[in-house]
Amino acid sequence: MDEIKYAVVCVDDDPYILQMLGFQLSKIVDQKCTLLEYFTDPFEALLNIDGLVDERIDIIFIIVDYQMPQMTGAQLIRSIKLKYPDLKCVMLSGQANPGSVDSLRKDNLLEQFIEKPWNEEALFDAVKPILEKIR
C-alpha cells in the first residue's frame, strides 16, 4: 500500500466547481500517494494546509477561486504565501479583479491563472508542469 506523500488543495465557494475539479484532477493526479482536498471555506482551507504541513505532507499546489464571500482568492493566496512561500498557487476565476491578478503575478505569488469557464485541457496545461516537478 502506498503512503500519502502529497496533497492538492482546491478552494471555491461553489461545490459544483469543486466536484468538477475533483473529477478532472483525478485523471492526472496519482491518488495512491496524493490526497485531493476540497474546501468551500478559505479559513477552513488555511487550517487544513497547516495540518497537512504538520503531518509532513507536501502540498503540490493549491487552486483558488477569486470571488468568495469570506475573502478573495488574492487575499487567500497572500495569506498562504506569508507562511509557505514555496507553495504553488493557481487561480481559477471568471470574475477576478485584473489588478489583483497582475499584482499577484508581479509579486511572484501566482503560478497560473485559468479563466472560468475552463476546459480540461486548460486545467491540465496549467498544472502538469507543477506535477512534473515532483516526479
C-alpha atoms as a PDB file:
ATOM      1  CA  MET A   1       0.000   0.000   0.000  1.00  0.00           C
ATOM      2  CA  ASP A   2       1.320   3.433  -0.980  1.00  0.00           C
ATOM      3  CA  GLU A   3       1.665   6.119   1.635  1.00  0.00           C
ATOM      4  CA  ILE A   4       0.099   9.551   1.137  1.00  0.00           C
ATOM      5  CA  LYS A   5       3.034  11.900   0.493  1.00  0.00           C
ATOM      6  CA  TYR A   6       1.375  14.750  -1.372  1.00  0.00           C
ATOM      7  CA  ALA A   7      -1.769  16.844  -1.451  1.00  0.00           C
ATOM      8  CA  VAL A   8      -3.586  19.138  -3.841  1.00  0.00           C
ATOM      9  CA  VAL A   9      -5.917  21.683  -2.245  1.00  0.00           C
ATOM     10  CA  CYS A  10      -8.858  23.258  -4.094  1.00  0.00           C
ATOM     11  CA  VAL A  11     -10.791  26.212  -2.671  1.00  0.00           C
ATOM     12  CA  ASP A  12     -14.006  27.511  -4.256  1.00  0.00           C
ATOM     13  CA  ASP A  13     -17.284  28.567  -2.668  1.00  0.00           C
ATOM     14  CA  ASP A  14     -19.201  26.619  -5.339  1.00  0.00           C
ATOM     15  CA  PRO A  15     -19.401  22.876  -4.516  1.00  0.00           C
ATOM     16  CA  TYR A  16     -20.163  22.089  -8.180  1.00  0.00           C
ATOM     17  CA  ILE A  17     -16.854  23.675  -9.255  1.00  0.00           C
ATOM     18  CA  LEU A  18     -15.030  21.607  -6.626  1.00  0.00           C
ATOM     19  CA  GLN A  19     -16.770  18.453  -7.878  1.00  0.00           C
ATOM     20  CA  MET A  20     -15.698  19.215 -11.460  1.00  0.00           C
ATOM     21  CA  LEU A  21     -12.118  19.973 -10.378  1.00  0.00           C
ATOM     22  CA  GLY A  22     -12.024  16.692  -8.474  1.00  0.00           C
ATOM     23  CA  PHE A  23     -13.255  14.746 -11.470  1.00  0.00           C
ATOM     24  CA  GLN A  24     -10.720  16.339 -13.790  1.00  0.00           C
ATOM     25  CA  LEU A  25      -7.752  16.304 -11.418  1.00  0.00           C
ATOM     26  CA  SER A  26      -8.342  12.628 -10.611  1.00  0.00           C
ATOM     27  CA  LYS A  27      -7.365  11.900 -14.222  1.00  0.00           C
ATOM     28  CA  ILE A  28      -3.834  13.282 -13.836  1.00  0.00           C
ATOM     29  CA  VAL A  29      -3.034  13.080 -10.114  1.00  0.00           C
ATOM     30  CA  ASP A  30      -1.741   9.813  -8.669  1.00  0.00           C
ATOM     31  CA  GLN A  31      -4.253   9.258  -5.874  1.00  0.00           C
ATOM     32  CA  LYS A  32      -2.266   6.344  -4.457  1.00  0.00           C
ATOM     33  CA  CYS A  33       0.151   8.865  -2.958  1.00  0.00           C
ATOM     34  CA  THR A  34      -1.730  12.168  -3.347  1.00  0.00           C
ATOM     35  CA  LEU A  35      -4.663  13.447  -1.323  1.00  0.00           C
ATOM     36  CA  LEU A  36      -7.153  15.688  -3.135  1.00  0.00           C
ATOM     37  CA  GLU A  37      -8.710  18.166  -0.676  1.00  0.00           C
ATOM     38  CA  TYR A  38     -11.692  20.454  -1.378  1.00  0.00           C
ATOM     39  CA  PHE A  39     -12.928  23.432   0.614  1.00  0.00           C
ATOM     40  CA  THR A  40     -15.751  25.938   0.208  1.00  0.00           C
ATOM     41  CA  ASP A  41     -14.424  27.964   3.152  1.00  0.00           C
ATOM     42  CA  PRO A  42     -10.990  29.595   2.743  1.00  0.00           C
ATOM     43  CA  PHE A  43     -10.450  29.749   6.523  1.00  0.00           C
ATOM     44  CA  GLU A  44     -11.004  26.003   6.774  1.00  0.00           C
ATOM     45  CA  ALA A  45      -8.564  25.545   3.897  1.00  0.00           C
ATOM     46  CA  LEU A  46      -5.919  27.578   5.741  1.00  0.00           C
ATOM     47  CA  LEU A  47      -6.288  25.379   8.824  1.00  0.00           C
ATOM     48  CA  ASN A  48      -6.105  22.249   6.705  1.00  0.00           C
ATOM     49  CA  ILE A  49      -2.973  23.448   4.934  1.00  0.00           C
ATOM     50  CA  ASP A  50      -1.333  23.918   8.348  1.00  0.00           C
ATOM     51  CA  GLY A  51      -2.419  20.396   9.306  1.00  0.00           C
ATOM     52  CA  LEU A  52      -1.013  18.869   6.128  1.00  0.00           C
ATOM     53  CA  VAL A  53       2.302  20.644   6.673  1.00  0.00           C
ATOM     54  CA  ASP A  54       2.353  19.433  10.293  1.00  0.00           C
ATOM     55  CA  GLU A  55       1.837  15.878   9.008  1.00  0.00           C
ATOM     56  CA  ARG A  56       4.762  16.370   6.595  1.00  0.00           C
ATOM     57  CA  ILE A  57       2.561  16.022   3.527  1.00  0.00           C
ATOM     58  CA  ASP A  58       3.907  18.090   0.635  1.00  0.00           C
ATOM     59  CA  ILE A  59       1.274  20.290  -0.959  1.00  0.00           C
ATOM     60  CA  ILE A  60       1.927  20.176  -4.696  1.00  0.00           C
ATOM     61  CA  PHE A  61      -0.313  23.145  -5.476  1.00  0.00           C
ATOM     62  CA  ILE A  62      -3.469  24.927  -4.437  1.00  0.00           C
ATOM     63  CA  ILE A  63      -6.226  26.027  -6.803  1.00  0.00           C
ATOM     64  CA  VAL A  64      -8.105  29.078  -5.562  1.00  0.00           C
ATOM     65  CA  ASP A  65     -11.217  30.839  -6.819  1.00  0.00           C
ATOM     66  CA  TYR A  66     -11.022  34.633  -6.813  1.00  0.00           C
ATOM     67  CA  GLN A  67     -14.575  35.586  -5.836  1.00  0.00           C
ATOM     68  CA  MET A  68     -15.586  34.074  -2.481  1.00  0.00           C
ATOM     69  CA  PRO A  69     -17.794  35.557   0.257  1.00  0.00           C
ATOM     70  CA  GLN A  70     -15.312  35.227   3.144  1.00  0.00           C
ATOM     71  CA  MET A  71     -12.204  36.593   1.373  1.00  0.00           C
ATOM     72  CA  THR A  72     -10.904  36.985  -2.149  1.00  0.00           C
ATOM     73  CA  GLY A  73      -8.638  34.421  -3.683  1.00  0.00           C
ATOM     74  CA  ALA A  74      -5.913  37.079  -3.820  1.00  0.00           C
ATOM     75  CA  GLN A  75      -6.173  37.551  -0.044  1.00  0.00           C
ATOM     76  CA  LEU A  76      -6.085  33.791   0.476  1.00  0.00           C
ATOM     77  CA  ILE A  77      -3.001  33.369  -1.714  1.00  0.00           C
ATOM     78  CA  ARG A  78      -1.226  36.205   0.085  1.00  0.00           C
ATOM     79  CA  SER A  79      -2.055  34.607   3.468  1.00  0.00           C
ATOM     80  CA  ILE A  80      -0.766  31.239   2.310  1.00  0.00           C
ATOM     81  CA  LYS A  81       2.416  32.661   0.792  1.00  0.00           C
ATOM     82  CA  LEU A  82       3.271  34.513   4.010  1.00  0.00           C
ATOM     83  CA  LYS A  83       3.585  31.167   5.798  1.00  0.00           C
ATOM     84  CA  TYR A  84       4.527  28.935   2.888  1.00  0.00           C
ATOM     85  CA  PRO A  85       6.347  30.987   0.239  1.00  0.00           C
ATOM     86  CA  ASP A  86       7.213  27.936  -1.876  1.00  0.00           C
ATOM     87  CA  LEU A  87       3.624  26.704  -2.233  1.00  0.00           C
ATOM     88  CA  LYS A  88       2.461  26.849  -5.854  1.00  0.00           C
ATOM     89  CA  CYS A  89      -0.826  28.706  -6.375  1.00  0.00           C
ATOM     90  CA  VAL A  90      -3.194  28.622  -9.345  1.00  0.00           C
ATOM     91  CA  MET A  91      -6.191  30.940  -9.600  1.00  0.00           C
ATOM     92  CA  LEU A  92      -9.396  29.832 -11.292  1.00  0.00           C
ATOM     93  CA  SER A  93     -11.954  32.567 -11.843  1.00  0.00           C
ATOM     94  CA  GLY A  94     -14.400  34.244 -14.138  1.00  0.00           C
ATOM     95  CA  GLN A  95     -14.687  37.381 -12.004  1.00  0.00           C
ATOM     96  CA  ALA A  96     -11.127  38.124 -10.927  1.00  0.00           C
ATOM     97  CA  ASN A  97     -10.018  41.680 -10.482  1.00  0.00           C
ATOM     98  CA  PRO A  98      -7.355  42.141 -13.196  1.00  0.00           C
ATOM     99  CA  GLY A  99      -5.356  44.462 -10.926  1.00  0.00           C
ATOM    100  CA  SER A 100      -5.255  41.846  -8.167  1.00  0.00           C
ATOM    101  CA  VAL A 101      -4.165  39.122 -10.576  1.00  0.00           C
ATOM    102  CA  ASP A 102      -1.458  41.381 -12.040  1.00  0.00           C
ATOM    103  CA  SER A 103      -0.287  42.251  -8.536  1.00  0.00           C
ATOM    104  CA  LEU A 104      -0.029  38.563  -7.598  1.00  0.00           C
ATOM    105  CA  ARG A 105       1.951  37.883 -10.756  1.00  0.00           C
ATOM    106  CA  LYS A 106       4.226  40.878 -10.201  1.00  0.00           C
ATOM    107  CA  ASP A 107       4.934  39.660  -6.659  1.00  0.00           C
ATOM    108  CA  ASN A 108       5.634  36.098  -7.959  1.00  0.00           C
ATOM    109  CA  LEU A 109       2.756  34.650  -5.932  1.00  0.00           C
ATOM    110  CA  LEU A 110       0.775  33.097  -8.790  1.00  0.00           C
ATOM    111  CA  GLU A 111       1.859  30.198 -10.989  1.00  0.00           C
ATOM    112  CA  GLN A 112      -1.087  30.226 -13.369  1.00  0.00           C
ATOM    113  CA  PHE A 113      -4.445  31.901 -13.973  1.00  0.00           C
ATOM    114  CA  ILE A 114      -7.291  29.909 -15.524  1.00  0.00           C
ATOM    115  CA  GLU A 115     -10.393  31.705 -16.777  1.00  0.00           C
ATOM    116  CA  LYS A 116     -13.828  30.277 -15.914  1.00  0.00           C
ATOM    117  CA  PRO A 117     -15.466  28.563 -17.628  1.00  0.00           C
ATOM    118  CA  TRP A 118     -12.437  26.417 -18.298  1.00  0.00           C
ATOM    119  CA  ASN A 119     -11.895  23.256 -20.258  1.00  0.00           C
ATOM    120  CA  GLU A 120      -9.998  20.225 -19.068  1.00  0.00           C
ATOM    121  CA  GLU A 121      -7.092  20.905 -21.416  1.00  0.00           C
ATOM    122  CA  ALA A 122      -6.549  24.391 -19.925  1.00  0.00           C
ATOM    123  CA  LEU A 123      -6.514  22.919 -16.425  1.00  0.00           C
ATOM    124  CA  PHE A 124      -4.082  20.176 -17.420  1.00  0.00           C
ATOM    125  CA  ASP A 125      -1.802  22.675 -19.215  1.00  0.00           C
ATOM    126  CA  ALA A 126      -1.703  24.795 -16.050  1.00  0.00           C
ATOM    127  CA  VAL A 127      -0.950  22.049 -13.531  1.00  0.00           C
ATOM    128  CA  LYS A 128       1.076  19.446 -15.452  1.00  0.00           C
ATOM    129  CA  PRO A 129       4.328  21.451 -15.234  1.00  0.00           C
ATOM    130  CA  ILE A 130       3.862  21.663 -11.460  1.00  0.00           C
ATOM    131  CA  LEU A 131       3.098  17.932 -11.188  1.00  0.00           C
ATOM    132  CA  GLU A 132       6.133  17.013 -13.294  1.00  0.00           C
ATOM    133  CA  LYS A 133       8.450  18.708 -10.790  1.00  0.00           C
ATOM    134  CA  ILE A 134       7.595  16.092  -8.129  1.00  0.00           C
ATOM    135  CA  ARG A 135       8.188  13.084 -10.370  1.00  0.00           C
END
